[in-house]
Amino acid sequence: MSILSTGGRRIAGWLAVAACVVLTACSTPQLTSVWRSPDFSGPAPKQILVIGISKSDSHRRIFEDSFARSLRDAGIPAATSYALLPESGQLSRADIRDTVTRTGSDAILVTRLLRVDQRISVSPGYMGPGYGGFYGWYGAAWASMPPQVDQYEVLVIESTLWDFKQEKVIWSGTSETIAGQDVAGLTTKLAGVLIERMRKDGVL
């Protein structure tokens, strides 16, 4: 009986670790879809204006700072929109055009939250084999663990790179990541994933 109980606890521990691994893997942004304009033949943008669409002014500033910093760290000149357009709400066409001119940008990277999905992760319970006939099975039934259920939110994010002069989309990608992380940390991870893919696709 003690062996079965120990085995049940060990299996429960493995299931908990497995669930943790799954959720940790999901915490890194994952690209779920990518589109690249077949008409784009270069050259890559010389300067990118980063715009975050958010009802939270602080989230917008943190996002733009973090993403622009990641671009610059990757050797890609970038500027934030809030530095020149600190106003809340939707930016006007004239203001955006003026900011593009003042920053010398030829492309705009716009990121927005599409939706928040509710997800459930279920780790199945464990039922041990019937050691020693009925009584062995009966003991294993007591030692078996119920399923472990984890509920979490997934952010579905869209990022679009625009050729501002022609007002045409160069590249667009949709990604998913678990909610609950700090905005700066999430943005840095997201930027790393997007920059790597955009370079692979030849748009940066």
Protein backbone atom coordinates (compact mmCIF):
# COMPACT_ATOMS: atom_id res chain seq x y z
CA MET A 1 0.00 0.00 0.00
CA SER A 2 2.81 2.40 0.82
CA ILE A 3 4.52 1.60 -2.46
CA LEU A 4 1.32 2.38 -4.37
CA SER A 5 0.81 5.62 -2.44
CA THR A 6 4.39 6.67 -3.13
CA GLY A 7 3.94 5.83 -6.80
CA GLY A 8 0.73 7.85 -6.93
CA ARG A 9 2.45 10.87 -5.39
CA ARG A 10 5.34 10.50 -7.84
CA ILE A 11 2.97 10.37 -10.82
CA ALA A 12 1.08 13.40 -9.47
CA GLY A 13 4.38 15.25 -9.25
CA TRP A 14 5.22 14.33 -12.84
CA LEU A 15 1.82 15.55 -14.02
CA ALA A 16 2.26 18.85 -12.19
CA VAL A 17 5.70 19.31 -13.75
CA ALA A 18 4.31 18.45 -17.20
CA ALA A 19 1.55 21.04 -16.83
CA CYS A 20 4.11 23.63 -15.71
CA VAL A 21 6.29 22.87 -18.74
CA VAL A 22 3.31 23.31 -21.08
CA LEU A 23 2.32 26.65 -19.57
CA THR A 24 5.92 27.89 -19.49
CA ALA A 25 6.37 27.02 -23.17
CA CYS A 26 3.20 28.93 -24.00
CA SER A 27 4.46 31.98 -22.10
CA THR A 28 6.93 32.59 -24.92
CA PRO A 29 5.05 34.24 -27.81
CA GLN A 30 4.32 31.79 -30.59
CA LEU A 31 3.63 32.91 -34.17
CA THR A 32 0.42 31.28 -35.36
CA SER A 33 0.15 32.90 -38.80
CA VAL A 34 2.37 35.03 -41.02
CA TRP A 35 1.75 36.91 -44.28
CA ARG A 36 4.38 38.58 -46.45
CA SER A 37 3.48 40.80 -49.38
CA PRO A 38 4.43 39.03 -52.64
CA ASP A 39 4.94 42.49 -54.17
CA PHE A 40 7.64 43.54 -51.70
CA SER A 41 11.10 43.36 -53.23
CA GLY A 42 12.95 45.74 -50.91
CA PRO A 43 14.81 47.63 -49.82
CA ALA A 44 14.26 47.04 -46.11
CA PRO A 45 12.96 50.02 -44.09
CA LYS A 46 15.65 52.45 -42.96
CA GLN A 47 13.71 53.72 -39.94
CA ILE A 48 10.64 52.23 -38.25
CA LEU A 49 8.02 54.13 -36.26
CA VAL A 50 6.57 51.88 -33.53
CA ILE A 51 2.90 52.35 -32.65
CA GLY A 52 1.10 50.38 -29.96
CA ILE A 53 -2.69 50.45 -29.97
CA SER A 54 -3.91 50.40 -26.38
CA LYS A 55 -6.49 52.15 -24.24
CA SER A 56 -3.86 52.31 -21.52
CA ASP A 57 -1.40 55.16 -22.03
CA SER A 58 1.16 53.53 -19.74
CA HIS A 59 0.93 50.20 -21.60
CA ARG A 60 1.36 52.00 -24.89
CA ARG A 61 4.49 53.81 -23.71
CA ILE A 62 6.02 50.68 -22.17
CA PHE A 63 5.27 48.64 -25.27
CA GLU A 64 6.67 51.21 -27.70
CA ASP A 65 9.80 51.76 -25.60
CA SER A 66 10.51 48.04 -25.29
CA PHE A 67 9.85 47.20 -28.93
CA ALA A 68 11.81 50.17 -30.29
CA ARG A 69 14.71 49.27 -27.99
CA SER A 70 14.68 45.67 -29.27
CA LEU A 71 14.75 46.90 -32.86
CA ARG A 72 17.68 49.22 -32.15
CA ASP A 73 19.52 46.44 -30.32
CA ALA A 74 19.10 44.40 -33.50
CA GLY A 75 20.68 47.21 -35.54
CA ILE A 76 17.38 48.57 -36.90
CA PRO A 77 16.74 52.31 -36.32
CA ALA A 78 13.37 52.82 -34.59
CA ALA A 79 11.37 55.57 -32.91
CA THR A 80 8.33 55.63 -30.63
CA SER A 81 5.14 57.44 -31.56
CA TYR A 82 4.26 58.53 -28.01
CA ALA A 83 7.40 60.68 -27.77
CA LEU A 84 5.87 63.10 -30.28
CA LEU A 85 2.22 62.09 -29.94
CA PRO A 86 1.50 61.61 -26.22
CA GLU A 87 -2.24 62.13 -26.71
CA SER A 88 -4.64 59.41 -25.63
CA GLY A 89 -6.94 57.63 -28.05
CA GLN A 90 -6.81 57.31 -31.81
CA LEU A 91 -4.09 59.28 -33.58
CA SER A 92 -5.08 61.45 -36.53
CA ARG A 93 -3.79 60.88 -40.05
CA ALA A 94 -2.14 64.31 -40.07
CA ASP A 95 -0.39 63.69 -36.74
CA ILE A 96 0.92 60.31 -37.85
CA ARG A 97 2.18 61.72 -41.14
CA ASP A 98 3.89 64.58 -39.32
CA THR A 99 5.53 62.15 -36.87
CA VAL A 100 6.76 59.93 -39.70
CA THR A 101 8.35 62.98 -41.34
CA ARG A 102 9.92 64.30 -38.12
CA THR A 103 11.41 60.91 -37.20
CA GLY A 104 12.58 60.18 -40.74
CA SER A 105 10.65 56.91 -40.74
CA ASP A 106 9.73 55.11 -43.93
CA ALA A 107 7.80 52.27 -42.28
CA ILE A 108 5.37 51.85 -39.37
CA LEU A 109 5.02 48.80 -37.16
CA VAL A 110 1.59 48.70 -35.53
CA THR A 111 0.71 46.14 -32.86
CA ARG A 112 -2.71 45.56 -31.36
CA LEU A 113 -4.48 43.04 -29.14
CA LEU A 114 -7.02 41.13 -31.23
CA ARG A 115 -8.68 39.18 -28.41
CA VAL A 116 -8.19 37.30 -25.15
CA ASP A 117 -8.94 33.57 -25.28
CA GLN A 118 -9.79 31.43 -22.26
CA ARG A 119 -7.85 28.14 -22.33
CA ILE A 120 -7.96 25.02 -20.16
CA SER A 121 -5.09 22.58 -19.69
CA VAL A 122 -6.05 19.15 -18.32
CA SER A 123 -3.48 16.65 -17.08
CA PRO A 124 -5.20 13.23 -16.90
CA GLY A 125 -5.40 11.35 -13.60
CA TYR A 126 -3.39 8.20 -13.05
CA MET A 127 -4.79 4.74 -12.38
CA GLY A 128 -2.13 2.24 -11.37
CA PRO A 129 -2.03 -1.32 -12.66
CA GLY A 130 -3.75 -4.06 -10.67
CA TYR A 131 -0.86 -5.37 -8.62
CA GLY A 132 -1.84 -8.45 -6.56
CA GLY A 133 -5.33 -9.00 -8.00
CA PHE A 134 -8.39 -7.19 -6.70
CA TYR A 135 -6.88 -5.82 -3.50
CA GLY A 136 -3.85 -4.54 -5.39
CA TRP A 137 -6.14 -2.81 -7.85
CA TYR A 138 -8.29 -1.47 -4.98
CA GLY A 139 -5.22 0.03 -3.33
CA ALA A 140 -4.09 1.58 -6.62
CA ALA A 141 -7.55 3.11 -7.07
CA TRP A 142 -7.15 4.90 -3.72
CA ALA A 143 -3.66 6.00 -4.68
CA SER A 144 -4.72 7.30 -8.13
CA MET A 145 -4.83 11.03 -8.58
CA PRO A 146 -7.67 13.06 -10.11
CA PRO A 147 -7.05 15.14 -13.24
CA GLN A 148 -5.27 18.46 -12.74
CA VAL A 149 -7.07 21.37 -14.41
CA ASP A 150 -5.41 24.73 -15.12
CA GLN A 151 -7.30 27.71 -16.53
CA TYR A 152 -5.42 30.59 -18.12
CA GLU A 153 -5.82 33.47 -20.58
CA VAL A 154 -4.04 33.68 -23.92
CA LEU A 155 -3.43 37.03 -25.63
CA VAL A 156 -3.85 36.95 -29.41
CA ILE A 157 -1.73 39.77 -30.83
CA GLU A 158 -1.45 41.14 -34.37
CA SER A 159 1.63 43.02 -35.61
CA THR A 160 1.65 44.72 -39.01
CA LEU A 161 4.57 46.36 -40.84
CA TRP A 162 3.52 49.11 -43.26
CA ASP A 163 5.37 50.82 -46.09
CA PHE A 164 4.20 54.32 -45.18
CA LYS A 165 5.00 56.01 -48.49
CA GLN A 166 2.86 53.57 -50.47
CA GLU A 167 0.50 52.86 -47.55
CA LYS A 168 0.77 49.13 -48.21
CA VAL A 169 1.26 46.24 -45.81
CA ILE A 170 4.69 44.62 -46.14
CA TRP A 171 4.30 41.95 -43.48
CA SER A 172 1.79 40.82 -40.89
CA GLY A 173 1.93 38.22 -38.13
CA THR A 174 -0.42 36.90 -35.45
CA SER A 175 1.02 35.56 -32.22
CA GLU A 176 -0.21 34.05 -28.97
CA THR A 177 1.15 34.28 -25.44
CA ILE A 178 -0.12 33.67 -21.92
CA ALA A 179 -1.46 36.72 -20.12
CA GLY A 180 -0.21 37.85 -16.75
CA GLN A 181 3.34 38.81 -17.64
CA ASP A 182 4.65 42.36 -17.28
CA VAL A 183 4.17 44.43 -20.42
CA ALA A 184 7.88 45.18 -20.87
CA GLY A 185 8.91 41.55 -20.49
CA LEU A 186 6.19 40.32 -22.84
CA THR A 187 7.07 42.98 -25.41
CA THR A 188 10.77 42.10 -25.36
CA LYS A 189 9.95 38.43 -25.95
CA LEU A 190 7.45 39.29 -28.68
CA ALA A 191 9.91 41.63 -30.38
CA GLY A 192 12.58 38.93 -30.42
CA VAL A 193 10.23 36.46 -32.11
CA LEU A 194 8.93 38.99 -34.66
CA ILE A 195 12.29 40.51 -35.55
CA GLU A 196 13.80 37.07 -36.16
CA ARG A 197 10.90 36.07 -38.42
CA MET A 198 10.76 39.37 -40.33
CA ARG A 199 14.49 39.10 -41.02
CA LYS A 200 14.00 35.54 -42.21
CA ASP A 201 11.22 36.78 -44.50
CA GLY A 202 13.52 39.49 -45.86
CA VAL A 203 11.50 42.53 -44.80
CA LEU A 204 14.02 43.85 -42.25
